[in-house]
Amino acid sequence: MQPETVLCFPAQLEKMMPLPAYLTTAEAAEYLRLKERKVYDLVSQGVIPCVRVTGKLLFPRQRLDLWLMNHLEGDDAVSTPIPPVLAGSQDPLLEWAVKESGAELALLCQGSGDGVQRLVDGRAMLAGMHIWHEDSQCYNDPATLGLSGMRDLVLIRWAKRQQGLLLAADNPHQLVRLEDIARPGIRVAHRQPDAGVSHLLQSLLARHRIDAKQLRWAVHPSLSEDDLALAIRQGEADIGLGIEAAARRQGLAFIPLQQEHFDLAMRRRHYFEPAMQRLLAFARCERFGQRAEALGGYDISELGWVVYNA
């Protein structure tokens, strides 16, 4: 999987006539093989994605592709209602946006792995994830996650986040690199095994030839990014792996190690649910960008990209 791949015009035609990201009404009609009058009818009914700029209709090509795929005959059907739950990994910016946007999603963030399972089982509408795959050197590979069987799976980029080492503000042990967690007496904060950051930590330990069994782990796992940061602030651990935003919220020192992709997984039909559309619309406002900058460690330049479409 190519994480940055976006939905596009069929390859054999795109080489002949590349299309812009936003289509005019005439271009959208040709793209959909419809008459322009029919496109206007769909717009008036509010069933086709479009935006109006200075009185002119424009049609985001990615959204058109998703809209088409959502109406495939024979696509997997969901026989029971899916609860409006956002599961998976915790993200401070996402939590804030859900509340401020009025998306009316219940938050049940217990780690990326838990979110994947709830999505598959139909117990969540969305799942936030940031699972690193060392073999493929990429994040959130559906095949590796066991999601390849979902014929209507879509992954939407939420943000790129800085992962790194969280330390006490005054760094009394003078810890400066990953290998320092192996020093005698250093207590390491950790997350539950199926959390996304746990996958990354195990990969980093293997890469640096650090034996996890020789480390002095904190007594209890932290169940969220904020919990891990708080454990370090309260002196329950000396060091841990987490995101920059959590470090800043707790006034901790932070050493960046790797930028990660945080994506939202869902069934294609749920992309068009009011909750998801409210969330994405809010994420395009200036206030959202200001919040991301204030939290720190976020790159939201790719927010809303379709990075996987089954």
Protein backbone atom coordinates (compact mmCIF):
# COMPACT_ATOMS: atom_id res chain seq x y z
CA MET A 1 0.00 0.00 0.00
CA GLN A 2 1.18 3.51 -0.81
CA PRO A 3 0.01 5.60 2.16
CA GLU A 4 0.01 8.90 0.27
CA THR A 5 -1.93 7.59 -2.75
CA VAL A 6 -5.15 9.49 -3.34
CA LEU A 7 -8.20 8.55 -5.39
CA CYS A 8 -7.73 9.48 -9.02
CA PHE A 9 -9.16 9.19 -12.52
CA PRO A 10 -8.59 5.71 -14.03
CA ALA A 11 -4.92 5.39 -14.95
CA GLN A 12 -5.42 4.65 -18.62
CA LEU A 13 -7.49 7.82 -19.08
CA GLU A 14 -5.55 10.05 -16.71
CA LYS A 15 -2.44 9.74 -18.87
CA MET A 16 -4.45 11.11 -21.80
CA MET A 17 -6.37 13.86 -20.00
CA PRO A 18 -5.44 14.69 -16.40
CA LEU A 19 -8.32 16.11 -14.38
CA PRO A 20 -8.04 18.77 -11.66
CA ALA A 21 -8.87 18.08 -8.02
CA TYR A 22 -12.06 20.16 -8.37
CA LEU A 23 -14.33 19.64 -11.38
CA THR A 24 -16.75 22.05 -12.99
CA THR A 25 -20.34 20.94 -13.54
CA ALA A 26 -19.58 20.01 -17.14
CA GLU A 27 -16.46 18.07 -16.13
CA ALA A 28 -18.34 16.32 -13.32
CA ALA A 29 -21.14 15.33 -15.70
CA GLU A 30 -18.63 13.86 -18.16
CA TYR A 31 -16.75 12.13 -15.35
CA LEU A 32 -19.96 10.53 -14.03
CA ARG A 33 -21.34 9.81 -17.53
CA LEU A 34 -24.44 11.87 -16.75
CA LYS A 35 -26.17 14.84 -18.36
CA GLU A 36 -25.50 18.22 -16.79
CA ARG A 37 -29.20 18.60 -15.97
CA LYS A 38 -29.05 15.39 -13.92
CA VAL A 39 -26.02 16.70 -12.02
CA TYR A 40 -27.94 19.88 -11.15
CA ASP A 41 -30.87 17.73 -9.98
CA LEU A 42 -28.56 15.73 -7.69
CA VAL A 43 -27.12 18.97 -6.29
CA SER A 44 -30.60 20.35 -5.57
CA GLN A 45 -31.47 17.12 -3.77
CA GLY A 46 -28.31 17.43 -1.66
CA VAL A 47 -27.11 13.93 -2.49
CA ILE A 48 -23.91 14.66 -4.44
CA PRO A 49 -20.82 16.25 -2.85
CA CYS A 50 -20.04 19.75 -4.10
CA VAL A 51 -18.99 23.20 -2.95
CA ARG A 52 -20.15 26.61 -4.15
CA VAL A 53 -17.45 29.23 -4.75
CA THR A 54 -18.54 32.73 -5.82
CA GLY A 55 -21.76 31.24 -7.14
CA LYS A 56 -20.03 28.51 -9.16
CA LEU A 57 -20.39 24.82 -8.38
CA LEU A 58 -17.21 22.78 -7.95
CA PHE A 59 -17.06 19.03 -7.34
CA PRO A 60 -14.11 17.57 -5.33
CA ARG A 61 -12.96 14.59 -7.40
CA GLN A 62 -11.98 12.49 -4.35
CA ARG A 63 -15.44 12.98 -2.88
CA LEU A 64 -17.10 12.06 -6.17
CA ASP A 65 -15.14 8.80 -6.26
CA LEU A 66 -16.22 7.96 -2.73
CA TRP A 67 -19.81 8.86 -3.55
CA LEU A 68 -19.74 6.49 -6.53
CA MET A 69 -18.14 3.68 -4.54
CA ASN A 70 -20.76 4.12 -1.82
CA HIS A 71 -23.46 3.23 -4.34
CA LEU A 72 -21.85 0.06 -5.71
CA GLU A 73 -24.29 -2.75 -6.30
CA GLY A 74 -23.39 -5.81 -4.25
CA ASP A 75 -21.29 -3.85 -1.76
CA ASP A 76 -21.23 -5.30 1.75
CA ALA A 77 -24.36 -4.36 3.62
CA VAL A 78 -24.60 -3.71 7.32
CA SER A 79 -27.66 -5.53 8.63
CA THR A 80 -27.61 -3.89 12.05
CA PRO A 81 -27.18 -0.20 12.95
CA ILE A 82 -23.63 0.87 13.77
CA PRO A 83 -23.38 2.98 16.95
CA PRO A 84 -21.96 6.51 16.45
CA VAL A 85 -18.78 5.64 18.31
CA LEU A 86 -15.24 6.84 17.62
CA ALA A 87 -12.95 4.08 18.89
CA GLY A 88 -9.24 3.38 18.59
CA SER A 89 -6.33 5.54 19.61
CA GLN A 90 -6.63 8.73 21.62
CA ASP A 91 -5.66 11.98 19.93
CA PRO A 92 -5.95 15.30 21.77
CA LEU A 93 -6.74 17.28 18.61
CA LEU A 94 -9.35 14.77 17.49
CA GLU A 95 -11.05 14.68 20.90
CA TRP A 96 -11.27 18.46 20.94
CA ALA A 97 -12.59 18.63 17.36
CA VAL A 98 -15.30 16.03 18.03
CA LYS A 99 -16.63 18.10 20.92
CA GLU A 100 -16.32 21.50 19.26
CA SER A 101 -17.78 20.40 15.91
CA GLY A 102 -20.97 18.96 17.42
CA ALA A 103 -20.31 15.71 15.57
CA GLU A 104 -22.19 13.79 18.29
CA LEU A 105 -19.74 10.90 18.35
CA ALA A 106 -19.15 8.96 21.54
CA LEU A 107 -15.46 8.54 22.33
CA LEU A 108 -14.21 5.09 23.31
CA CYS A 109 -10.45 5.36 22.85
CA GLN A 110 -8.70 2.25 24.17
CA GLY A 111 -5.90 1.86 21.65
CA SER A 112 -5.56 1.31 17.90
CA GLY A 113 -5.91 -2.46 18.13
CA ASP A 114 -9.13 -2.21 20.10
CA GLY A 115 -10.46 0.24 17.52
CA VAL A 116 -9.70 -2.14 14.65
CA GLN A 117 -11.59 -4.93 16.38
CA ARG A 118 -14.59 -2.74 17.17
CA LEU A 119 -14.71 -1.55 13.56
CA VAL A 120 -14.67 -5.12 12.24
CA ASP A 121 -17.30 -6.25 14.73
CA GLY A 122 -19.64 -3.35 13.91
CA ARG A 123 -19.30 -1.82 17.37
CA ALA A 124 -17.84 1.48 16.16
CA MET A 125 -18.43 3.80 13.21
CA LEU A 126 -14.86 5.15 13.15
CA ALA A 127 -11.51 3.98 14.43
CA GLY A 128 -8.45 6.18 14.90
CA MET A 129 -5.16 4.35 14.36
CA HIS A 130 -1.41 4.83 14.02
CA ILE A 131 0.04 1.33 13.80
CA TRP A 132 3.59 1.09 12.45
CA HIS A 133 4.56 -1.94 10.37
CA GLU A 134 8.31 -2.50 10.50
CA ASP A 135 8.39 -4.96 7.57
CA SER A 136 6.61 -2.66 5.12
CA GLN A 137 7.90 0.56 6.71
CA CYS A 138 4.46 2.15 6.66
CA TYR A 139 1.51 2.96 8.90
CA ASN A 140 -1.97 1.43 9.00
CA ASP A 141 -1.65 -1.25 6.32
CA PRO A 142 -5.16 -2.80 6.06
CA ALA A 143 -3.82 -6.23 5.04
CA THR A 144 -1.51 -6.43 8.04
CA LEU A 145 -4.26 -5.18 10.35
CA GLY A 146 -6.69 -7.85 9.18
CA LEU A 147 -8.95 -5.30 7.48
CA SER A 148 -8.45 -6.44 3.89
CA GLY A 149 -11.70 -8.42 4.06
CA MET A 150 -13.73 -5.21 4.43
CA ARG A 151 -14.77 -4.48 0.84
CA ASP A 152 -15.96 -0.99 1.73
CA LEU A 153 -13.05 0.13 3.93
CA VAL A 154 -11.84 3.72 3.66
CA LEU A 155 -8.88 5.33 5.45
CA ILE A 156 -8.90 9.12 5.83
CA ARG A 157 -5.77 11.00 6.91
CA TRP A 158 -6.31 12.95 10.11
CA ALA A 159 -2.82 14.22 10.83
CA LYS A 160 0.87 13.53 10.95
CA ARG A 161 2.13 13.57 14.54
CA GLN A 162 5.54 13.67 16.16
CA GLN A 163 6.32 10.61 18.28
CA GLY A 164 9.24 10.76 20.67
CA LEU A 165 10.54 10.39 24.19
CA LEU A 166 8.66 12.04 27.05
CA LEU A 167 10.79 13.06 30.04
CA ALA A 168 10.41 15.03 33.25
CA ALA A 169 10.75 18.75 32.57
CA ASP A 170 14.10 19.03 34.36
CA ASN A 171 15.34 15.67 32.96
CA PRO A 172 17.16 14.71 36.20
CA HIS A 173 18.63 11.53 34.68
CA GLN A 174 20.00 13.38 31.62
CA LEU A 175 18.27 11.03 29.19
CA VAL A 176 18.94 12.11 25.60
CA ARG A 177 18.34 9.12 23.31
CA LEU A 178 16.33 5.93 23.06
CA GLU A 179 19.18 3.72 24.26
CA ASP A 180 19.10 5.53 27.61
CA ILE A 181 15.95 3.67 28.65
CA ALA A 182 18.18 0.62 29.20
CA ARG A 183 20.14 2.35 31.96
CA PRO A 184 19.86 0.60 35.35
CA GLY A 185 17.04 1.96 37.47
CA ILE A 186 15.28 3.88 34.70
CA ARG A 187 11.52 3.25 34.86
CA VAL A 188 9.79 3.08 31.48
CA ALA A 189 6.15 4.10 31.06
CA HIS A 190 4.25 1.91 28.60
CA ARG A 191 0.86 1.47 26.92
CA GLN A 192 -1.38 -1.57 26.54
CA PRO A 193 -0.01 -4.14 24.03
CA ASP A 194 -2.47 -3.34 21.20
CA ALA A 195 -1.91 0.42 21.35
CA GLY A 196 -0.29 1.92 18.25
CA VAL A 197 2.65 3.32 20.18
CA SER A 198 3.40 -0.14 21.58
CA HIS A 199 3.97 -1.43 18.04
CA LEU A 200 6.36 1.43 17.35
CA LEU A 201 8.22 0.97 20.64
CA GLN A 202 8.79 -2.73 19.98
CA SER A 203 10.11 -1.90 16.51
CA LEU A 204 12.45 0.75 17.87
CA LEU A 205 13.77 -1.57 20.57
CA ALA A 206 14.47 -4.27 18.00
CA ARG A 207 16.11 -1.75 15.68
CA HIS A 208 18.45 -0.59 18.46
CA ARG A 209 18.98 -4.14 19.77
CA ILE A 210 17.51 -3.39 23.18
CA ASP A 211 16.12 -6.39 25.07
CA ALA A 212 12.64 -5.44 26.32
CA LYS A 213 12.89 -8.07 29.07
CA GLN A 214 15.82 -6.23 30.60
CA LEU A 215 13.96 -2.94 30.97
CA ARG A 216 12.35 -1.77 34.19
CA TRP A 217 8.74 -1.18 33.19
CA ALA A 218 6.23 0.90 35.15
CA VAL A 219 3.92 -1.22 37.29
CA HIS A 220 0.74 -0.39 35.37
CA PRO A 221 0.20 0.35 31.66
CA SER A 222 -1.07 3.79 30.69
CA LEU A 223 -4.33 3.56 28.77
CA SER A 224 -3.98 6.79 26.79
CA GLU A 225 -1.43 9.33 25.57
CA ASP A 226 -2.38 11.72 28.37
CA ASP A 227 -2.19 8.97 31.01
CA LEU A 228 1.36 8.11 29.95
CA ALA A 229 2.43 11.75 30.10
CA LEU A 230 0.79 12.15 33.50
CA ALA A 231 2.59 9.05 34.83
CA ILE A 232 5.92 10.69 34.00
CA ARG A 233 4.88 14.04 35.43
CA GLN A 234 3.84 12.40 38.71
CA GLY A 235 7.12 10.49 38.99
CA GLU A 236 5.68 7.03 38.38
CA ALA A 237 8.08 6.62 35.43
CA ASP A 238 11.16 8.39 34.09
CA ILE A 239 10.67 8.04 30.37
CA GLY A 240 8.11 6.86 27.82
CA LEU A 241 7.22 6.97 24.14
CA GLY A 242 4.37 9.26 23.14
CA ILE A 243 3.29 12.27 21.10
CA GLU A 244 4.57 15.81 21.43
CA ALA A 245 1.09 17.20 22.12
CA ALA A 246 0.75 15.04 25.25
CA ALA A 247 4.19 16.14 26.45
CA ARG A 248 3.29 19.81 26.07
CA ARG A 249 -0.03 19.39 27.87
CA GLN A 250 1.79 18.02 30.92
CA GLY A 251 4.79 20.37 30.73
CA LEU A 252 7.27 17.59 29.93
CA ALA A 253 10.49 17.58 27.94
CA PHE A 254 10.24 15.94 24.51
CA ILE A 255 12.81 14.35 22.17
CA PRO A 256 11.35 13.69 18.67
CA LEU A 257 12.06 10.29 17.10
CA GLN A 258 9.63 9.66 14.26
CA GLN A 259 6.73 11.28 12.45
CA GLU A 260 3.68 9.04 12.25
CA HIS A 261 0.43 8.90 10.31
CA PHE A 262 -2.79 9.04 12.32
CA ASP A 263 -5.70 7.88 10.14
CA LEU A 264 -9.44 7.36 10.58
CA ALA A 265 -10.80 4.01 9.35
CA MET A 266 -14.47 3.55 8.51
CA ARG A 267 -16.89 1.88 6.17
CA ARG A 268 -17.39 3.88 2.99
CA ARG A 269 -21.04 4.68 3.71
CA HIS A 270 -20.11 6.21 7.05
CA TYR A 271 -17.91 8.80 5.36
CA PHE A 272 -21.17 10.48 4.30
CA GLU A 273 -22.81 10.35 7.71
CA PRO A 274 -23.58 13.80 9.22
CA ALA A 275 -21.20 13.13 12.13
CA MET A 276 -18.21 12.57 9.83
CA GLN A 277 -19.09 15.45 7.54
CA ARG A 278 -19.46 17.84 10.50
CA LEU A 279 -16.08 16.76 11.83
CA LEU A 280 -14.29 17.25 8.50
CA ALA A 281 -16.02 20.57 7.85
CA PHE A 282 -14.92 21.86 11.25
CA ALA A 283 -11.36 20.67 10.58
CA ARG A 284 -11.18 23.07 7.64
CA CYS A 285 -11.81 26.19 9.73
CA GLU A 286 -9.14 28.61 10.91
CA ARG A 287 -9.83 27.89 14.58
CA PHE A 288 -8.97 24.23 14.09
CA GLY A 289 -5.61 25.11 12.53
CA GLN A 290 -4.83 27.41 15.43
CA ARG A 291 -5.61 24.64 17.91
CA ALA A 292 -3.34 22.18 16.09
CA GLU A 293 -0.50 24.67 16.21
CA ALA A 294 -1.06 25.41 19.89
CA LEU A 295 -1.06 21.72 20.84
CA GLY A 296 2.21 21.16 18.97
CA GLY A 297 3.64 18.26 17.00
CA TYR A 298 0.90 18.22 14.35
CA ASP A 299 1.12 18.47 10.57
CA ILE A 300 -2.46 18.78 9.23
CA SER A 301 -1.54 19.55 5.61
CA GLU A 302 -2.94 16.18 4.47
CA LEU A 303 -6.07 16.16 6.63
CA GLY A 304 -9.00 14.71 4.70
CA TRP A 305 -6.90 12.82 2.14
CA VAL A 306 -8.28 9.44 1.15
CA VAL A 307 -5.24 7.24 1.69
CA TYR A 308 -7.00 3.92 1.14
CA ASN A 309 -10.24 3.05 -0.62
CA ALA A 310 -11.09 -0.66 -0.94
